[in-house]
Amino acid sequence: MSLPIFYIPPEHFDGDAATLTGDELRHARLTLRLGPGDRALVVDGEGTLCEGTFSSMEKAQGVLQITSRTREAEPAFSLTIAMGIVAGERFDWALQKGTELGASAFIPLLSRRTEVKASRPWKRLERLRRVVVSACKQCGRARFPTLSEPVALHDLSTAGYDLALAFWESDRAAPLSEAAGRVQRPASCLMIIGPVGGFAPEEAEILREKGCLLAGLGPRILRTETAVTAGAALVQYLWGDMG
């Protein structure tokens, strides 16, 4: 039977002890019924995975005595996903699957057809970060992807990436198999997905002017969350760790 895994932020580590609090503690105590002597895994979100044994489990905190530590290597290929904001749990689902597929960062994207308004600070942000943490725990990632405040399309920067790849559902966009053959193997990629209804033609031109490679995902119209999942899997297959 696999060990349960918890998130403990770096500031709650003290030598060979790590302190569990908040929602993670409640899950350990009340849902899993863990107590002193039970073993668990913990991640710090910055690449450290620890195994240990709980020495105490109280209402205010649980203390894990660490018996082993490993470091998750930095990915050789870094994938940032900028995706159009969609309503409800569909955005949660896209974040979850993008995390499982190895994304290093997420940028919620505001564009002409975005159906959700987002002010600063974005009220959904903290809850969505919990979605990312949960997905990391599920797939065993010790290094958590970042999730930024929403960015308007015209403010999106493509600087610092070896490749900026925008998926566009127009027949004017070359298939990914063709477009991918035009670039050398990148070490970093910004993958851009539109909202419901996709990018308007003038927005596609903005992306092209920003240096983006426009590509298609086939003849079918995909939901935003489906395009995120399919696109991330294809990009990781071509240049990342799924090939």
Protein backbone atom coordinates (compact mmCIF):
# COMPACT_ATOMS: atom_id res chain seq x y z
CA MET A 1 0.00 0.00 0.00
CA SER A 2 1.43 3.40 -0.98
CA LEU A 3 2.09 5.98 1.69
CA PRO A 4 -0.11 9.09 1.94
CA ILE A 5 1.52 12.30 0.77
CA PHE A 6 1.19 15.76 2.32
CA TYR A 7 2.35 19.27 1.50
CA ILE A 8 4.40 21.06 4.14
CA PRO A 9 5.85 24.47 3.17
CA PRO A 10 9.63 24.95 3.62
CA GLU A 11 9.21 27.26 6.63
CA HIS A 12 7.58 24.39 8.56
CA PHE A 13 10.70 22.23 8.34
CA ASP A 14 13.14 22.31 11.26
CA GLY A 15 16.08 19.95 10.84
CA ASP A 16 14.70 16.42 10.73
CA ALA A 17 11.19 17.43 11.79
CA ALA A 18 8.33 18.80 9.72
CA THR A 19 5.11 20.24 11.13
CA LEU A 20 1.73 19.54 9.56
CA THR A 21 -1.03 22.15 10.04
CA GLY A 22 -4.26 23.44 8.52
CA ASP A 23 -6.16 21.48 5.89
CA GLU A 24 -3.34 18.94 5.51
CA LEU A 25 -3.48 18.19 9.24
CA ARG A 26 -7.26 17.81 9.20
CA HIS A 27 -7.01 15.42 6.26
CA ALA A 28 -4.37 13.36 8.10
CA ARG A 29 -6.24 13.27 11.44
CA LEU A 30 -9.89 13.15 10.50
CA THR A 31 -10.01 11.55 7.06
CA LEU A 32 -7.05 9.15 7.11
CA ARG A 33 -7.06 8.67 10.90
CA LEU A 34 -3.30 8.83 11.10
CA GLY A 35 -1.49 8.99 14.43
CA PRO A 36 1.91 8.54 16.07
CA GLY A 37 3.86 5.73 14.45
CA ASP A 38 2.20 6.06 11.03
CA ARG A 39 4.46 6.74 8.07
CA ALA A 40 3.93 9.32 5.33
CA LEU A 41 5.57 11.24 2.51
CA VAL A 42 5.79 15.02 2.46
CA VAL A 43 6.77 17.51 -0.25
CA ASP A 44 7.81 21.13 0.20
CA GLY A 45 6.78 22.41 -3.25
CA GLU A 46 10.39 23.33 -4.05
CA GLY A 47 11.68 19.93 -5.07
CA THR A 48 12.21 18.07 -1.77
CA LEU A 49 10.44 14.78 -1.06
CA CYS A 50 10.73 13.33 2.45
CA GLU A 51 9.63 10.11 4.08
CA GLY A 52 9.09 9.89 7.79
CA THR A 53 7.08 8.77 10.81
CA PHE A 54 4.63 10.87 12.80
CA SER A 55 5.87 11.36 16.36
CA SER A 56 2.75 13.27 17.37
CA MET A 57 -0.67 14.02 15.95
CA GLU A 58 -2.63 16.66 17.84
CA LYS A 59 -5.48 19.04 17.04
CA ALA A 60 -3.14 21.99 16.44
CA GLN A 61 -0.32 20.19 14.61
CA GLY A 62 1.25 16.92 13.63
CA VAL A 63 5.01 16.38 13.73
CA LEU A 64 6.74 14.10 11.24
CA GLN A 65 10.23 12.84 12.01
CA ILE A 66 12.05 12.65 8.69
CA THR A 67 13.96 9.47 7.89
CA SER A 68 14.94 10.11 4.28
CA ARG A 69 15.09 12.96 1.76
CA THR A 70 15.35 13.06 -2.01
CA ARG A 71 15.53 15.97 -4.46
CA GLU A 72 13.42 16.12 -7.59
CA ALA A 73 15.61 17.20 -10.49
CA GLU A 74 14.84 20.35 -12.42
CA PRO A 75 13.06 19.39 -15.65
CA ALA A 76 15.26 19.47 -18.74
CA PHE A 77 12.30 20.99 -20.60
CA SER A 78 10.22 23.78 -19.09
CA LEU A 79 6.62 24.19 -20.23
CA THR A 80 4.60 27.30 -19.37
CA ILE A 81 0.90 27.19 -20.23
CA ALA A 82 -0.97 30.44 -20.90
CA MET A 83 -4.64 29.54 -21.19
CA GLY A 84 -7.85 31.45 -21.67
CA ILE A 85 -9.92 31.68 -18.51
CA VAL A 86 -13.10 29.60 -18.59
CA ALA A 87 -15.91 29.36 -16.07
CA GLY A 88 -16.32 26.95 -13.18
CA GLU A 89 -14.56 23.65 -12.73
CA ARG A 90 -13.39 23.46 -16.34
CA PHE A 91 -10.47 25.76 -15.48
CA ASP A 92 -9.71 23.64 -12.39
CA TRP A 93 -9.64 20.56 -14.62
CA ALA A 94 -7.26 22.19 -17.09
CA LEU A 95 -4.89 23.17 -14.26
CA GLN A 96 -5.05 19.69 -12.80
CA LYS A 97 -4.25 17.93 -16.07
CA GLY A 98 -1.58 20.46 -17.05
CA THR A 99 0.09 19.86 -13.69
CA GLU A 100 -0.03 16.09 -14.14
CA LEU A 101 1.52 16.53 -17.58
CA GLY A 102 4.50 18.41 -16.14
CA ALA A 103 3.80 22.10 -16.70
CA SER A 104 6.25 24.36 -14.86
CA ALA A 105 3.99 27.44 -14.79
CA PHE A 106 0.48 28.62 -15.63
CA ILE A 107 -0.66 32.04 -16.83
CA PRO A 108 -4.44 32.69 -16.84
CA LEU A 109 -5.09 34.62 -20.05
CA LEU A 110 -7.60 37.38 -20.76
CA SER A 111 -8.57 37.92 -24.38
CA ARG A 112 -11.45 39.27 -26.44
CA ARG A 113 -13.65 36.19 -26.04
CA THR A 114 -12.83 35.41 -22.42
CA GLU A 115 -16.14 34.73 -20.67
CA VAL A 116 -14.95 35.47 -17.11
CA LYS A 117 -13.92 38.84 -15.69
CA ALA A 118 -10.81 38.87 -13.50
CA SER A 119 -9.85 41.79 -11.29
CA ARG A 120 -6.60 42.17 -9.34
CA PRO A 121 -6.11 40.51 -6.98
CA TRP A 122 -8.00 37.62 -8.54
CA LYS A 123 -10.32 36.04 -5.98
CA ARG A 124 -10.03 32.57 -7.53
CA LEU A 125 -6.26 32.49 -7.32
CA GLU A 126 -5.74 30.95 -3.86
CA ARG A 127 -8.31 28.23 -4.46
CA LEU A 128 -6.77 27.44 -7.84
CA ARG A 129 -3.34 27.19 -6.24
CA ARG A 130 -4.81 24.54 -3.94
CA VAL A 131 -5.97 22.67 -7.06
CA VAL A 132 -2.37 22.70 -8.32
CA VAL A 133 -1.02 21.46 -4.97
CA SER A 134 -3.57 18.65 -4.89
CA ALA A 135 -2.64 17.61 -8.43
CA CYS A 136 1.06 17.59 -7.52
CA LYS A 137 0.41 15.34 -4.53
CA GLN A 138 -1.67 13.00 -6.69
CA CYS A 139 1.04 12.58 -9.32
CA GLY A 140 4.01 12.66 -6.93
CA ARG A 141 5.51 16.00 -7.93
CA ALA A 142 7.70 17.64 -5.29
CA ARG A 143 8.29 20.81 -7.34
CA PHE A 144 5.07 22.77 -7.78
CA PRO A 145 4.30 24.85 -10.88
CA THR A 146 3.64 28.54 -10.37
CA LEU A 147 0.27 30.17 -11.04
CA SER A 148 0.27 33.88 -11.81
CA GLU A 149 -2.35 36.60 -11.73
CA PRO A 150 -4.32 36.88 -15.01
CA VAL A 151 -2.57 38.62 -17.92
CA ALA A 152 -4.20 40.34 -20.88
CA LEU A 153 -3.22 38.94 -24.27
CA HIS A 154 -1.59 42.17 -25.42
CA ASP A 155 0.53 42.20 -22.22
CA LEU A 156 1.64 38.57 -22.52
CA SER A 157 5.42 38.42 -22.88
CA THR A 158 7.12 35.79 -25.01
CA ALA A 159 10.61 36.90 -23.93
CA GLY A 160 12.85 34.30 -22.34
CA TYR A 161 11.31 31.25 -24.03
CA ASP A 162 13.04 29.24 -26.72
CA LEU A 163 9.66 28.70 -28.35
CA ALA A 164 6.29 30.46 -28.10
CA LEU A 165 3.61 28.19 -29.56
CA ALA A 166 0.00 29.34 -29.94
CA PHE A 167 -2.71 26.88 -30.87
CA TRP A 168 -5.29 28.41 -33.21
CA GLU A 169 -8.30 26.59 -34.61
CA SER A 170 -8.14 28.37 -37.98
CA ASP A 171 -7.31 26.54 -41.21
CA ARG A 172 -4.65 29.23 -41.65
CA ALA A 173 -2.61 27.59 -38.87
CA ALA A 174 -0.31 24.77 -39.94
CA PRO A 175 -0.77 21.36 -38.28
CA LEU A 176 1.48 20.90 -35.27
CA SER A 177 3.34 18.08 -36.99
CA GLU A 178 4.32 20.50 -39.76
CA ALA A 179 4.94 23.52 -37.55
CA ALA A 180 7.16 21.55 -35.14
CA GLY A 181 9.50 20.66 -37.96
CA ARG A 182 10.42 24.33 -38.36
CA VAL A 183 12.04 24.73 -34.94
CA GLN A 184 15.11 23.38 -33.23
CA ARG A 185 14.54 21.39 -30.06
CA PRO A 186 13.67 23.97 -27.36
CA ALA A 187 14.56 23.85 -23.68
CA SER A 188 11.59 26.05 -22.79
CA CYS A 189 8.19 26.61 -24.36
CA LEU A 190 5.31 29.01 -23.81
CA MET A 191 2.17 27.20 -24.98
CA ILE A 192 -0.83 29.49 -25.55
CA ILE A 193 -4.44 28.29 -25.63
CA GLY A 194 -7.46 30.52 -26.27
CA PRO A 195 -10.75 30.77 -24.35
CA VAL A 196 -14.16 29.49 -25.44
CA GLY A 197 -14.50 30.61 -29.06
CA GLY A 198 -10.75 30.72 -29.53
CA PHE A 199 -8.67 33.69 -30.65
CA ALA A 200 -10.08 36.33 -32.96
CA PRO A 201 -8.11 36.79 -36.22
CA GLU A 202 -6.67 40.10 -35.03
CA GLU A 203 -5.49 38.38 -31.82
CA ALA A 204 -3.79 35.68 -33.85
CA GLU A 205 -1.98 38.45 -35.68
CA ILE A 206 -0.90 39.96 -32.34
CA LEU A 207 0.49 36.58 -31.34
CA ARG A 208 2.31 36.28 -34.64
CA GLU A 209 3.83 39.74 -34.12
CA LYS A 210 4.99 38.62 -30.67
CA GLY A 211 6.97 35.86 -32.39
CA CYS A 212 4.57 33.00 -31.76
CA LEU A 213 4.44 29.96 -33.96
CA LEU A 214 0.76 29.36 -34.82
CA ALA A 215 -0.29 25.74 -35.06
CA GLY A 216 -3.46 23.67 -35.20
CA LEU A 217 -4.63 20.67 -33.19
CA GLY A 218 -6.56 18.95 -35.96
CA PRO A 219 -9.94 19.40 -37.66
CA ARG A 220 -12.12 19.20 -34.52
CA ILE A 221 -13.03 22.16 -32.32
CA LEU A 222 -11.74 21.42 -28.81
CA ARG A 223 -12.84 22.90 -25.52
CA THR A 224 -10.18 25.02 -23.83
CA GLU A 225 -9.49 22.41 -21.16
CA THR A 226 -9.26 19.64 -23.79
CA ALA A 227 -6.87 21.73 -25.88
CA VAL A 228 -4.69 22.36 -22.81
CA THR A 229 -4.47 18.64 -22.10
CA ALA A 230 -3.93 17.55 -25.70
CA GLY A 231 -1.46 20.36 -26.40
CA ALA A 232 0.59 19.72 -23.25
CA ALA A 233 0.77 15.99 -23.98
CA LEU A 234 1.90 16.60 -27.58
CA VAL A 235 4.47 19.23 -26.58
CA GLN A 236 5.87 16.98 -23.85
CA TYR A 237 6.04 14.12 -26.35
CA LEU A 238 7.87 16.22 -28.91
CA TRP A 239 10.33 17.99 -26.63
CA GLY A 240 9.78 16.97 -23.03
CA ASP A 241 9.81 13.81 -20.93
CA MET A 242 6.94 11.88 -22.52
CA GLY A 243 8.77 10.88 -25.71
